[in-house]
Amino acid sequence: MKRIDIHVEGLSVEARTNLAQSVYSAFVSAGRRAVSAFALGVAVTSVIFFGTQWVLFKLDVGRDDTDGKTRSGLNLYTDHKTGCQYLGNGSGLTPRMDALGYQMCSEKAKGGKL
């Protein structure tokens, strides 16, 4: 720790030492309060964020008919020109097929008129 040396006319060495210790103590106290307030803010923000994520997960927000009881990790994409649907996982796309093995497309695309 670096020594704080305050020179004020008319103060004894003991008074200067007490003044320096008071200033140092004030800085330390202010720093502790700032760190405590920051830590409390981070903790509250984390609880709110993760609590919200948990509630949204439990309420099945964001699920579609490609998801079963557990999340598949697949995203559903629709070609807006053809109306055909594709499944993707981030590294590629594959056509989404119905129970008969045909690609799932809108009624407009099935009629042959795009």
Protein backbone atom coordinates (compact mmCIF):
# COMPACT_ATOMS: atom_id res chain seq x y z
CA MET A 1 0.00 0.00 0.00
CA LYS A 2 1.32 3.41 -0.96
CA ARG A 3 1.60 5.89 1.88
CA ILE A 4 -0.57 8.99 1.62
CA ASP A 5 1.36 12.03 2.80
CA ILE A 6 -0.69 15.21 3.33
CA HIS A 7 1.07 18.47 4.18
CA VAL A 8 -1.19 21.08 5.73
CA GLU A 9 0.23 24.02 7.67
CA GLY A 10 -0.44 23.79 11.37
CA LEU A 11 -1.42 20.09 11.54
CA SER A 12 0.53 17.70 13.66
CA VAL A 13 1.87 14.44 12.27
CA GLU A 14 -0.85 12.55 14.12
CA ALA A 15 -3.61 14.78 12.68
CA ARG A 16 -2.20 14.38 9.16
CA THR A 17 -2.10 10.61 9.62
CA ASN A 18 -5.70 10.58 10.84
CA LEU A 19 -6.79 12.74 7.89
CA ALA A 20 -5.01 10.48 5.41
CA GLN A 21 -6.57 7.39 6.96
CA SER A 22 -10.02 9.00 6.80
CA VAL A 23 -9.61 9.85 3.11
CA TYR A 24 -8.35 6.34 2.35
CA SER A 25 -11.22 4.80 4.33
CA ALA A 26 -13.75 6.92 2.41
CA PHE A 27 -12.34 5.71 -0.93
CA VAL A 28 -12.43 2.09 0.19
CA SER A 29 -15.98 2.42 1.51
CA ALA A 30 -17.20 4.06 -1.71
CA GLY A 31 -15.56 1.32 -3.76
CA ARG A 32 -17.17 -1.40 -1.68
CA ARG A 33 -20.61 0.19 -2.07
CA ALA A 34 -20.14 0.47 -5.84
CA VAL A 35 -19.05 -3.16 -6.14
CA SER A 36 -21.93 -4.31 -3.94
CA ALA A 37 -24.47 -2.35 -5.99
CA PHE A 38 -23.03 -3.73 -9.24
CA ALA A 39 -23.08 -7.31 -7.93
CA LEU A 40 -26.67 -6.91 -6.76
CA GLY A 41 -27.66 -5.55 -10.18
CA VAL A 42 -26.02 -8.47 -11.97
CA ALA A 43 -27.71 -10.97 -9.65
CA VAL A 44 -31.18 -9.44 -10.06
CA THR A 45 -30.78 -9.17 -13.85
CA SER A 46 -29.65 -12.80 -14.06
CA VAL A 47 -32.58 -14.05 -12.01
CA ILE A 48 -35.07 -12.08 -14.12
CA PHE A 49 -33.50 -13.20 -17.42
CA PHE A 50 -33.25 -16.90 -16.58
CA GLY A 51 -36.64 -16.90 -14.88
CA THR A 52 -38.25 -15.43 -17.99
CA GLN A 53 -36.52 -18.00 -20.20
CA TRP A 54 -37.71 -20.84 -17.97
CA VAL A 55 -41.33 -19.59 -17.98
CA LEU A 56 -41.31 -19.21 -21.78
CA PHE A 57 -39.89 -22.72 -22.16
CA LYS A 58 -42.52 -24.21 -19.84
CA LEU A 59 -45.36 -22.40 -21.67
CA ASP A 60 -44.20 -23.83 -25.02
CA VAL A 61 -43.76 -20.36 -26.52
CA GLY A 62 -42.08 -20.63 -29.92
CA ARG A 63 -43.12 -24.20 -30.65
CA ASP A 64 -44.70 -25.21 -33.95
CA ASP A 65 -46.06 -28.45 -35.38
CA THR A 66 -42.52 -29.73 -36.09
CA ASP A 67 -41.81 -29.97 -32.35
CA GLY A 68 -42.79 -32.99 -30.29
CA LYS A 69 -42.64 -33.34 -26.51
CA THR A 70 -38.94 -32.47 -26.62
CA ARG A 71 -37.30 -29.81 -28.76
CA SER A 72 -35.97 -31.11 -32.09
CA GLY A 73 -33.55 -28.28 -32.81
CA LEU A 74 -35.07 -27.86 -36.28
CA ASN A 75 -36.36 -24.61 -37.72
CA LEU A 76 -39.25 -24.44 -40.16
CA TYR A 77 -38.71 -22.35 -43.31
CA THR A 78 -41.29 -21.58 -46.02
CA ASP A 79 -40.32 -20.53 -49.54
CA HIS A 80 -42.56 -17.52 -50.13
CA LYS A 81 -42.57 -17.94 -53.91
CA THR A 82 -43.51 -21.63 -54.01
CA GLY A 83 -45.10 -22.02 -50.57
CA CYS A 84 -43.07 -25.20 -49.97
CA GLN A 85 -41.71 -25.93 -46.52
CA TYR A 86 -38.18 -26.92 -45.51
CA LEU A 87 -36.57 -27.99 -42.25
CA GLY A 88 -33.14 -26.68 -41.27
CA ASN A 89 -30.74 -27.14 -38.39
CA GLY A 90 -28.25 -24.39 -39.22
CA SER A 91 -26.03 -26.42 -41.55
CA GLY A 92 -28.48 -27.20 -44.35
CA LEU A 93 -32.09 -27.53 -45.50
CA THR A 94 -34.19 -30.56 -46.33
CA PRO A 95 -37.74 -30.62 -47.75
CA ARG A 96 -40.48 -31.21 -45.18
CA MET A 97 -42.47 -34.28 -46.21
CA ASP A 98 -46.02 -35.28 -45.32
CA ALA A 99 -47.17 -38.78 -44.29
CA LEU A 100 -47.45 -39.88 -47.95
CA GLY A 101 -43.89 -38.81 -48.79
CA TYR A 102 -44.76 -35.64 -50.72
CA GLN A 103 -43.23 -32.28 -49.94
CA MET A 104 -45.50 -30.06 -47.87
CA CYS A 105 -46.48 -27.03 -49.95
CA SER A 106 -49.33 -24.54 -49.91
CA GLU A 107 -52.53 -25.21 -51.85
CA LYS A 108 -51.40 -22.60 -54.37
CA ALA A 109 -48.27 -24.63 -55.19
CA LYS A 110 -50.19 -27.94 -55.33
CA GLY A 111 -52.49 -26.55 -58.00
CA GLY A 112 -49.54 -25.95 -60.29
CA LYS A 113 -50.03 -22.18 -60.45
CA LEU A 114 -47.34 -20.18 -58.72
